[in-house]
Amino acid sequence: FDIGVEDTWLPHNRDFDASLTRLGVVHDYREYP
């Protein structure tokens, strides 16, 4: 999953990234302009 750093929903993607990381789930997360 990816998201722009000017996007309203940026915190939501960062939170989901953190949730998957805590679970130890392999995933690919990226932020772009």
PDB file of all heavy atoms in Angstrom:
ATOM      1  N   PHE A   1       0.839  -1.189   0.000  1.00  0.00           N
ATOM      2  CA  PHE A   1       0.000   0.000   0.000  1.00  0.00           C
ATOM      3  C   PHE A   1       0.877   1.242   0.000  1.00  0.00           C
ATOM      4  O   PHE A   1       1.992   1.246   0.524  1.00  0.00           O
ATOM      5  CB  PHE A   1      -0.998   0.018   1.165  1.00  0.00           C
ATOM      6  CG  PHE A   1      -0.434  -0.227   2.538  1.00  0.00           C
ATOM      7  CD1 PHE A   1      -0.298   0.804   3.449  1.00  0.00           C
ATOM      8  CD2 PHE A   1      -0.059  -1.505   2.935  1.00  0.00           C
ATOM      9  CE1 PHE A   1       0.199   0.581   4.730  1.00  0.00           C
ATOM     10  CE2 PHE A   1       0.446  -1.746   4.212  1.00  0.00           C
ATOM     11  CZ  PHE A   1       0.572  -0.696   5.106  1.00  0.00           C
ATOM     12  N   ASP A   2       0.366   2.294  -0.638  1.00  0.00           N
ATOM     13  CA  ASP A   2       1.108   3.554  -0.728  1.00  0.00           C
ATOM     14  C   ASP A   2       0.139   4.719  -0.588  1.00  0.00           C
ATOM     15  O   ASP A   2      -1.079   4.564  -0.725  1.00  0.00           O
ATOM     16  CB  ASP A   2       1.893   3.644  -2.046  1.00  0.00           C
ATOM     17  CG  ASP A   2       0.991   3.697  -3.277  1.00  0.00           C
ATOM     18  OD1 ASP A   2       0.201   4.645  -3.424  1.00  0.00           O
ATOM     19  OD2 ASP A   2       1.083   2.776  -4.124  1.00  0.00           O
ATOM     20  N   ILE A   3       0.717   5.893  -0.344  1.00  0.00           N
ATOM     21  CA  ILE A   3      -0.089   7.101  -0.186  1.00  0.00           C
ATOM     22  C   ILE A   3       0.781   8.327  -0.380  1.00  0.00           C
ATOM     23  O   ILE A   3       1.999   8.282  -0.150  1.00  0.00           O
ATOM     24  CB  ILE A   3      -0.779   7.139   1.203  1.00  0.00           C
ATOM     25  CG1 ILE A   3      -1.852   8.233   1.247  1.00  0.00           C
ATOM     26  CG2 ILE A   3       0.252   7.301   2.324  1.00  0.00           C
ATOM     27  CD1 ILE A   3      -2.834   8.091   2.392  1.00  0.00           C
ATOM     28  N   GLY A   4       0.168   9.423  -0.837  1.00  0.00           N
ATOM     29  CA  GLY A   4       0.878  10.684  -0.975  1.00  0.00           C
ATOM     30  C   GLY A   4       1.014  11.382   0.363  1.00  0.00           C
ATOM     31  O   GLY A   4       0.113  11.327   1.203  1.00  0.00           O
ATOM     32  N   VAL A   5       2.127  12.065   0.558  1.00  0.00           N
ATOM     33  CA  VAL A   5       2.366  12.719   1.846  1.00  0.00           C
ATOM     34  C   VAL A   5       1.483  13.946   2.051  1.00  0.00           C
ATOM     35  O   VAL A   5       1.430  14.492   3.152  1.00  0.00           O
ATOM     36  CB  VAL A   5       3.854  13.099   2.009  1.00  0.00           C
ATOM     37  CG1 VAL A   5       4.720  11.859   2.109  1.00  0.00           C
ATOM     38  CG2 VAL A   5       4.317  14.005   0.868  1.00  0.00           C
ATOM     39  N   GLU A   6       0.789  14.386   1.012  1.00  0.00           N
ATOM     40  CA  GLU A   6      -0.165  15.496   1.148  1.00  0.00           C
ATOM     41  C   GLU A   6      -1.595  14.996   1.252  1.00  0.00           C
ATOM     42  O   GLU A   6      -2.543  15.800   1.213  1.00  0.00           O
ATOM     43  CB  GLU A   6      -0.030  16.428  -0.061  1.00  0.00           C
ATOM     44  CG  GLU A   6       1.364  17.027  -0.236  1.00  0.00           C
ATOM     45  CD  GLU A   6       1.568  17.574  -1.639  1.00  0.00           C
ATOM     46  OE1 GLU A   6       0.666  18.275  -2.132  1.00  0.00           O
ATOM     47  OE2 GLU A   6       2.615  17.292  -2.237  1.00  0.00           O
ATOM     48  N   ASP A   7      -1.782  13.708   1.410  1.00  0.00           N
ATOM     49  CA  ASP A   7      -3.113  13.099   1.430  1.00  0.00           C
ATOM     50  C   ASP A   7      -3.719  13.166   2.826  1.00  0.00           C
ATOM     51  O   ASP A   7      -3.036  12.932   3.834  1.00  0.00           O
ATOM     52  CB  ASP A   7      -3.011  11.642   0.973  1.00  0.00           C
ATOM     53  CG  ASP A   7      -4.345  11.054   0.570  1.00  0.00           C
ATOM     54  OD1 ASP A   7      -5.273  11.059   1.410  1.00  0.00           O
ATOM     55  OD2 ASP A   7      -4.459  10.582  -0.567  1.00  0.00           O
ATOM     56  N   THR A   8      -5.012  13.437   2.878  1.00  0.00           N
ATOM     57  CA  THR A   8      -5.744  13.487   4.143  1.00  0.00           C
ATOM     58  C   THR A   8      -5.615  12.196   4.937  1.00  0.00           C
ATOM     59  O   THR A   8      -5.571  12.209   6.173  1.00  0.00           O
ATOM     60  CB  THR A   8      -7.234  13.750   3.869  1.00  0.00           C
ATOM     61  OG1 THR A   8      -7.373  14.995   3.184  1.00  0.00           O
ATOM     62  CG2 THR A   8      -8.042  13.783   5.156  1.00  0.00           C
ATOM     63  N   TRP A   9      -5.540  11.073   4.233  1.00  0.00           N
ATOM     64  CA  TRP A   9      -5.585   9.770   4.898  1.00  0.00           C
ATOM     65  C   TRP A   9      -4.199   9.201   5.181  1.00  0.00           C
ATOM     66  O   TRP A   9      -4.075   8.004   5.488  1.00  0.00           O
ATOM     67  CB  TRP A   9      -6.421   8.805   4.058  1.00  0.00           C
ATOM     68  CG  TRP A   9      -7.762   9.372   3.748  1.00  0.00           C
ATOM     69  CD1 TRP A   9      -8.195   9.830   2.537  1.00  0.00           C
ATOM     70  CD2 TRP A   9      -8.840   9.611   4.668  1.00  0.00           C
ATOM     71  NE1 TRP A   9      -9.479  10.323   2.637  1.00  0.00           N
ATOM     72  CE2 TRP A   9      -9.896  10.208   3.936  1.00  0.00           C
ATOM     73  CE3 TRP A   9      -9.023   9.381   6.039  1.00  0.00           C
ATOM     74  CZ2 TRP A   9     -11.102  10.566   4.511  1.00  0.00           C
ATOM     75  CZ3 TRP A   9     -10.224   9.743   6.620  1.00  0.00           C
ATOM     76  CH2 TRP A   9     -11.252  10.323   5.870  1.00  0.00           C
ATOM     77  N   LEU A  10      -3.180  10.047   5.131  1.00  0.00           N
ATOM     78  CA  LEU A  10      -1.824   9.602   5.440  1.00  0.00           C
ATOM     79  C   LEU A  10      -1.719   8.977   6.834  1.00  0.00           C
ATOM     80  O   LEU A  10      -1.123   7.897   6.984  1.00  0.00           O
ATOM     81  CB  LEU A  10      -0.848  10.771   5.293  1.00  0.00           C
ATOM     82  CG  LEU A  10       0.612  10.507   5.667  1.00  0.00           C
ATOM     83  CD1 LEU A  10       1.222   9.429   4.768  1.00  0.00           C
ATOM     84  CD2 LEU A  10       1.428  11.801   5.582  1.00  0.00           C
ATOM     85  N   PRO A  11      -2.275   9.583   7.902  1.00  0.00           N
ATOM     86  CA  PRO A  11      -2.168   8.957   9.232  1.00  0.00           C
ATOM     87  C   PRO A  11      -2.782   7.561   9.288  1.00  0.00           C
ATOM     88  O   PRO A  11      -2.304   6.695  10.020  1.00  0.00           O
ATOM     89  CB  PRO A  11      -2.912   9.936  10.146  1.00  0.00           C
ATOM     90  CG  PRO A  11      -2.863  11.246   9.422  1.00  0.00           C
ATOM     91  CD  PRO A  11      -2.948  10.900   7.971  1.00  0.00           C
ATOM     92  N   HIS A  12      -3.838   7.340   8.510  1.00  0.00           N
ATOM     93  CA  HIS A  12      -4.491   6.035   8.505  1.00  0.00           C
ATOM     94  C   HIS A  12      -3.572   4.966   7.923  1.00  0.00           C
ATOM     95  O   HIS A  12      -3.537   3.830   8.401  1.00  0.00           O
ATOM     96  CB  HIS A  12      -5.801   6.105   7.718  1.00  0.00           C
ATOM     97  CG  HIS A  12      -6.828   6.986   8.354  1.00  0.00           C
ATOM     98  ND1 HIS A  12      -6.676   8.351   8.449  1.00  0.00           N
ATOM     99  CD2 HIS A  12      -8.021   6.702   8.942  1.00  0.00           C
ATOM    100  CE1 HIS A  12      -7.731   8.867   9.063  1.00  0.00           C
ATOM    101  NE2 HIS A  12      -8.555   7.889   9.377  1.00  0.00           N
ATOM    102  N   ASN A  13      -2.839   5.315   6.877  1.00  0.00           N
ATOM    103  CA  ASN A  13      -1.909   4.356   6.286  1.00  0.00           C
ATOM    104  C   ASN A  13      -0.732   4.088   7.220  1.00  0.00           C
ATOM    105  O   ASN A  13      -0.269   2.947   7.335  1.00  0.00           O
ATOM    106  CB  ASN A  13      -1.424   4.873   4.931  1.00  0.00           C
ATOM    107  CG  ASN A  13      -2.450   4.668   3.832  1.00  0.00           C
ATOM    108  OD1 ASN A  13      -2.289   3.833   2.959  1.00  0.00           O
ATOM    109  ND2 ASN A  13      -3.520   5.448   3.878  1.00  0.00           N
ATOM    110  N   ARG A  14      -0.257   5.119   7.888  1.00  0.00           N
ATOM    111  CA  ARG A  14       0.838   4.914   8.838  1.00  0.00           C
ATOM    112  C   ARG A  14       0.388   4.049  10.005  1.00  0.00           C
ATOM    113  O   ARG A  14       1.158   3.219  10.510  1.00  0.00           O
ATOM    114  CB  ARG A  14       1.355   6.274   9.324  1.00  0.00           C
ATOM    115  CG  ARG A  14       2.129   7.032   8.259  1.00  0.00           C
ATOM    116  CD  ARG A  14       2.575   8.398   8.731  1.00  0.00           C
ATOM    117  NE  ARG A  14       3.464   9.032   7.752  1.00  0.00           N
ATOM    118  CZ  ARG A  14       3.903  10.285   7.828  1.00  0.00           C
ATOM    119  NH1 ARG A  14       3.534  11.056   8.871  1.00  0.00           N
ATOM    120  NH2 ARG A  14       4.691  10.779   6.899  1.00  0.00           N
ATOM    121  N   ASP A  15      -0.860   4.215  10.426  1.00  0.00           N
ATOM    122  CA  ASP A  15      -1.355   3.406  11.528  1.00  0.00           C
ATOM    123  C   ASP A  15      -1.499   1.949  11.102  1.00  0.00           C
ATOM    124  O   ASP A  15      -1.154   1.036  11.873  1.00  0.00           O
ATOM    125  CB  ASP A  15      -2.699   3.946  12.020  1.00  0.00           C
ATOM    126  CG  ASP A  15      -3.186   3.214  13.260  1.00  0.00           C
ATOM    127  OD1 ASP A  15      -2.528   3.336  14.308  1.00  0.00           O
ATOM    128  OD2 ASP A  15      -4.209   2.508  13.179  1.00  0.00           O
ATOM    129  N   PHE A  16      -1.991   1.708   9.887  1.00  0.00           N
ATOM    130  CA  PHE A  16      -2.118   0.328   9.413  1.00  0.00           C
ATOM    131  C   PHE A  16      -0.744  -0.310   9.240  1.00  0.00           C
ATOM    132  O   PHE A  16      -0.547  -1.490   9.558  1.00  0.00           O
ATOM    133  CB  PHE A  16      -2.900   0.299   8.106  1.00  0.00           C
ATOM    134  CG  PHE A  16      -3.200  -1.093   7.610  1.00  0.00           C
ATOM    135  CD1 PHE A  16      -3.870  -2.011   8.403  1.00  0.00           C
ATOM    136  CD2 PHE A  16      -2.805  -1.487   6.336  1.00  0.00           C
ATOM    137  CE1 PHE A  16      -4.142  -3.299   7.947  1.00  0.00           C
ATOM    138  CE2 PHE A  16      -3.070  -2.762   5.870  1.00  0.00           C
ATOM    139  CZ  PHE A  16      -3.747  -3.671   6.673  1.00  0.00           C
ATOM    140  N   ASP A  17       0.214   0.464   8.756  1.00  0.00           N
ATOM    141  CA  ASP A  17       1.596  -0.020   8.662  1.00  0.00           C
ATOM    142  C   ASP A  17       2.101  -0.458  10.039  1.00  0.00           C
ATOM    143  O   ASP A  17       2.698  -1.536  10.190  1.00  0.00           O
ATOM    144  CB  ASP A  17       2.473   1.085   8.086  1.00  0.00           C
ATOM    145  CG  ASP A  17       3.963   0.761   8.153  1.00  0.00           C
ATOM    146  OD1 ASP A  17       4.346  -0.363   7.789  1.00  0.00           O
ATOM    147  OD2 ASP A  17       4.735   1.643   8.583  1.00  0.00           O
ATOM    148  N   ALA A  18       1.847   0.367  11.051  1.00  0.00           N
ATOM    149  CA  ALA A  18       2.287   0.041  12.405  1.00  0.00           C
ATOM    150  C   ALA A  18       1.578  -1.208  12.932  1.00  0.00           C
ATOM    151  O   ALA A  18       2.192  -2.045  13.610  1.00  0.00           O
ATOM    152  CB  ALA A  18       2.030   1.225  13.339  1.00  0.00           C
ATOM    153  N   SER A  19       0.294  -1.355  12.602  1.00  0.00           N
ATOM    154  CA  SER A  19      -0.459  -2.529  13.058  1.00  0.00           C
ATOM    155  C   SER A  19       0.093  -3.806  12.449  1.00  0.00           C
ATOM    156  O   SER A  19       0.271  -4.820  13.141  1.00  0.00           O
ATOM    157  CB  SER A  19      -1.943  -2.376  12.695  1.00  0.00           C
ATOM    158  OG  SER A  19      -2.529  -1.305  13.402  1.00  0.00           O
ATOM    159  N   LEU A  20       0.379  -3.792  11.154  1.00  0.00           N
ATOM    160  CA  LEU A  20       0.942  -4.969  10.500  1.00  0.00           C
ATOM    161  C   LEU A  20       2.331  -5.285  11.036  1.00  0.00           C
ATOM    162  O   LEU A  20       2.696  -6.454  11.212  1.00  0.00           O
ATOM    163  CB  LEU A  20       0.997  -4.765   8.991  1.00  0.00           C
ATOM    164  CG  LEU A  20      -0.337  -4.715   8.244  1.00  0.00           C
ATOM    165  CD1 LEU A  20      -0.091  -4.535   6.748  1.00  0.00           C
ATOM    166  CD2 LEU A  20      -1.172  -5.965   8.496  1.00  0.00           C
ATOM    167  N   THR A  21       3.102  -4.233  11.305  1.00  0.00           N
ATOM    168  CA  THR A  21       4.450  -4.429  11.845  1.00  0.00           C
ATOM    169  C   THR A  21       4.386  -5.101  13.212  1.00  0.00           C
ATOM    170  O   THR A  21       5.164  -6.025  13.508  1.00  0.00           O
ATOM    171  CB  THR A  21       5.184  -3.087  11.937  1.00  0.00           C
ATOM    172  OG1 THR A  21       5.295  -2.514  10.626  1.00  0.00           O
ATOM    173  CG2 THR A  21       6.575  -3.256  12.528  1.00  0.00           C
ATOM    174  N   ARG A  22       3.456  -4.671  14.058  1.00  0.00           N
ATOM    175  CA  ARG A  22       3.311  -5.295  15.380  1.00  0.00           C
ATOM    176  C   ARG A  22       2.915  -6.766  15.263  1.00  0.00           C
ATOM    177  O   ARG A  22       3.312  -7.590  16.087  1.00  0.00           O
ATOM    178  CB  ARG A  22       2.281  -4.522  16.212  1.00  0.00           C
ATOM    179  CG  ARG A  22       2.823  -3.242  16.838  1.00  0.00           C
ATOM    180  CD  ARG A  22       1.841  -2.650  17.833  1.00  0.00           C
ATOM    181  NE  ARG A  22       0.654  -2.130  17.168  1.00  0.00           N
ATOM    182  CZ  ARG A  22       0.526  -0.874  16.744  1.00  0.00           C
ATOM    183  NH1 ARG A  22       1.523  -0.005  16.905  1.00  0.00           N
ATOM    184  NH2 ARG A  22      -0.575  -0.469  16.157  1.00  0.00           N
ATOM    185  N   LEU A  23       2.127  -7.083  14.218  1.00  0.00           N
ATOM    186  CA  LEU A  23       1.714  -8.471  14.025  1.00  0.00           C
ATOM    187  C   LEU A  23       2.814  -9.317  13.390  1.00  0.00           C
ATOM    188  O   LEU A  23       2.702 -10.539  13.340  1.00  0.00           O
ATOM    189  CB  LEU A  23       0.472  -8.521  13.124  1.00  0.00           C
ATOM    190  CG  LEU A  23      -0.880  -8.203  13.761  1.00  0.00           C
ATOM    191  CD1 LEU A  23      -1.955  -8.145  12.685  1.00  0.00           C
ATOM    192  CD2 LEU A  23      -1.231  -9.256  14.813  1.00  0.00           C
ATOM    193  N   GLY A  24       3.854  -8.664  12.888  1.00  0.00           N
ATOM    194  CA  GLY A  24       4.916  -9.387  12.206  1.00  0.00           C
ATOM    195  C   GLY A  24       4.554  -9.804  10.799  1.00  0.00           C
ATOM    196  O   GLY A  24       5.078 -10.790  10.279  1.00  0.00           O
ATOM    197  N   VAL A  25       3.640  -9.061  10.164  1.00  0.00           N
ATOM    198  CA  VAL A  25       3.158  -9.406   8.826  1.00  0.00           C
ATOM    199  C   VAL A  25       4.045  -8.763   7.769  1.00  0.00           C
ATOM    200  O   VAL A  25       4.265  -7.544   7.783  1.00  0.00           O
ATOM    201  CB  VAL A  25       1.699  -8.942   8.633  1.00  0.00           C
ATOM    202  CG1 VAL A  25       1.224  -9.270   7.219  1.00  0.00           C
ATOM    203  CG2 VAL A  25       0.795  -9.590   9.670  1.00  0.00           C
ATOM    204  N   VAL A  26       4.531  -9.568   6.854  1.00  0.00           N
ATOM    205  CA  VAL A  26       5.323  -9.056   5.742  1.00  0.00           C
ATOM    206  C   VAL A  26       4.445  -8.147   4.884  1.00  0.00           C
ATOM    207  O   VAL A  26       3.346  -8.529   4.478  1.00  0.00           O
ATOM    208  CB  VAL A  26       5.865 -10.217   4.884  1.00  0.00           C
ATOM    209  CG1 VAL A  26       6.583  -9.684   3.652  1.00  0.00           C
ATOM    210  CG2 VAL A  26       6.787 -11.096   5.707  1.00  0.00           C
ATOM    211  N   HIS A  27       4.932  -6.938   4.607  1.00  0.00           N
ATOM    212  CA  HIS A  27       4.180  -6.023   3.745  1.00  0.00           C
ATOM    213  C   HIS A  27       5.106  -4.967   3.175  1.00  0.00           C
ATOM    214  O   HIS A  27       6.234  -4.787   3.647  1.00  0.00           O
ATOM    215  CB  HIS A  27       3.032  -5.375   4.514  1.00  0.00           C
ATOM    216  CG  HIS A  27       3.471  -4.482   5.648  1.00  0.00           C
ATOM    217  ND1 HIS A  27       3.964  -4.969   6.844  1.00  0.00           N
ATOM    218  CD2 HIS A  27       3.494  -3.126   5.769  1.00  0.00           C
ATOM    219  CE1 HIS A  27       4.261  -3.953   7.649  1.00  0.00           C
ATOM    220  NE2 HIS A  27       3.991  -2.823   7.009  1.00  0.00           N
ATOM    221  N   ASP A  28       4.634  -4.284   2.162  1.00  0.00           N
ATOM    222  CA  ASP A  28       5.394  -3.258   1.457  1.00  0.00           C
ATOM    223  C   ASP A  28       4.606  -1.953   1.568  1.00  0.00           C
ATOM    224  O   ASP A  28       3.516  -1.836   1.004  1.00  0.00           O
ATOM    225  CB  ASP A  28       5.564  -3.680  -0.004  1.00  0.00           C
ATOM    226  CG  ASP A  28       6.367  -2.680  -0.834  1.00  0.00           C
ATOM    227  OD1 ASP A  28       6.507  -1.524  -0.409  1.00  0.00           O
ATOM    228  OD2 ASP A  28       6.836  -3.068  -1.924  1.00  0.00           O
ATOM    229  N   TYR A  29       5.124  -0.994   2.325  1.00  0.00           N
ATOM    230  CA  TYR A  29       4.444   0.294   2.517  1.00  0.00           C
ATOM    231  C   TYR A  29       5.323   1.420   2.005  1.00  0.00           C
ATOM    232  O   TYR A  29       6.507   1.486   2.351  1.00  0.00           O
ATOM    233  CB  TYR A  29       4.118   0.518   3.992  1.00  0.00           C
ATOM    234  CG  TYR A  29       3.580   1.907   4.289  1.00  0.00           C
ATOM    235  CD1 TYR A  29       2.488   2.408   3.596  1.00  0.00           C
ATOM    236  CD2 TYR A  29       4.195   2.718   5.231  1.00  0.00           C
ATOM    237  CE1 TYR A  29       2.000   3.680   3.855  1.00  0.00           C
ATOM    238  CE2 TYR A  29       3.714   3.990   5.499  1.00  0.00           C
ATOM    239  CZ  TYR A  29       2.612   4.479   4.793  1.00  0.00           C
ATOM    240  OH  TYR A  29       2.136   5.735   5.049  1.00  0.00           O
ATOM    241  N   ARG A  30       4.742   2.326   1.207  1.00  0.00           N
ATOM    242  CA  ARG A  30       5.515   3.419   0.628  1.00  0.00           C
ATOM    243  C   ARG A  30       4.742   4.734   0.691  1.00  0.00           C
ATOM    244  O   ARG A  30       3.516   4.745   0.547  1.00  0.00           O
ATOM    245  CB  ARG A  30       5.876   3.102  -0.825  1.00  0.00           C
ATOM    246  CG  ARG A  30       6.706   1.818  -0.947  1.00  0.00           C
ATOM    247  CD  ARG A  30       6.962   1.446  -2.381  1.00  0.00           C
ATOM    248  NE  ARG A  30       7.630   0.152  -2.449  1.00  0.00           N
ATOM    249  CZ  ARG A  30       8.858  -0.038  -2.935  1.00  0.00           C
ATOM    250  NH1 ARG A  30       9.563   0.982  -3.390  1.00  0.00           N
ATOM    251  NH2 ARG A  30       9.379  -1.242  -2.960  1.00  0.00           N
ATOM    252  N   GLU A  31       5.492   5.813   0.900  1.00  0.00           N
ATOM    253  CA  GLU A  31       4.942   7.166   0.842  1.00  0.00           C
ATOM    254  C   GLU A  31       5.659   7.919  -0.276  1.00  0.00           C
ATOM    255  O   GLU A  31       6.872   7.790  -0.438  1.00  0.00           O
ATOM    256  CB  GLU A  31       5.134   7.884   2.173  1.00  0.00           C
ATOM    257  CG  GLU A  31       4.372   7.231   3.320  1.00  0.00           C
ATOM    258  CD  GLU A  31       4.660   7.894   4.670  1.00  0.00           C
ATOM    259  OE1 GLU A  31       5.397   8.914   4.685  1.00  0.00           O
ATOM    260  OE2 GLU A  31       4.172   7.385   5.691  1.00  0.00           O
ATOM    261  N   TYR A  32       4.877   8.699  -1.033  1.00  0.00           N
ATOM    262  CA  TYR A  32       5.412   9.441  -2.165  1.00  0.00           C
ATOM    263  C   TYR A  32       4.906  10.887  -2.115  1.00  0.00           C
ATOM    264  O   TYR A  32       3.932  11.189  -1.418  1.00  0.00           O
ATOM    265  CB  TYR A  32       4.955   8.833  -3.486  1.00  0.00           C
ATOM    266  CG  TYR A  32       5.393   7.424  -3.754  1.00  0.00           C
ATOM    267  CD1 TYR A  32       4.508   6.358  -3.591  1.00  0.00           C
ATOM    268  CD2 TYR A  32       6.684   7.147  -4.186  1.00  0.00           C
ATOM    269  CE1 TYR A  32       4.901   5.053  -3.865  1.00  0.00           C
ATOM    270  CE2 TYR A  32       7.083   5.839  -4.456  1.00  0.00           C
ATOM    271  CZ  TYR A  32       6.193   4.807  -4.296  1.00  0.00           C
ATOM    272  OH  TYR A  32       6.586   3.519  -4.559  1.00  0.00           O
ATOM    273  N   PRO A  33       5.515  11.784  -2.865  1.00  0.00           N
ATOM    274  CA  PRO A  33       4.919  13.108  -3.033  1.00  0.00           C
ATOM    275  C   PRO A  33       3.549  12.963  -3.701  1.00  0.00           C
ATOM    276  O   PRO A  33       3.351  12.078  -4.538  1.00  0.00           O
ATOM    277  CB  PRO A  33       5.902  13.828  -3.958  1.00  0.00           C
ATOM    278  CG  PRO A  33       7.181  13.072  -3.855  1.00  0.00           C
ATOM    279  CD  PRO A  33       6.798  11.646  -3.593  1.00  0.00           C
TER     280      PRO A  33
END
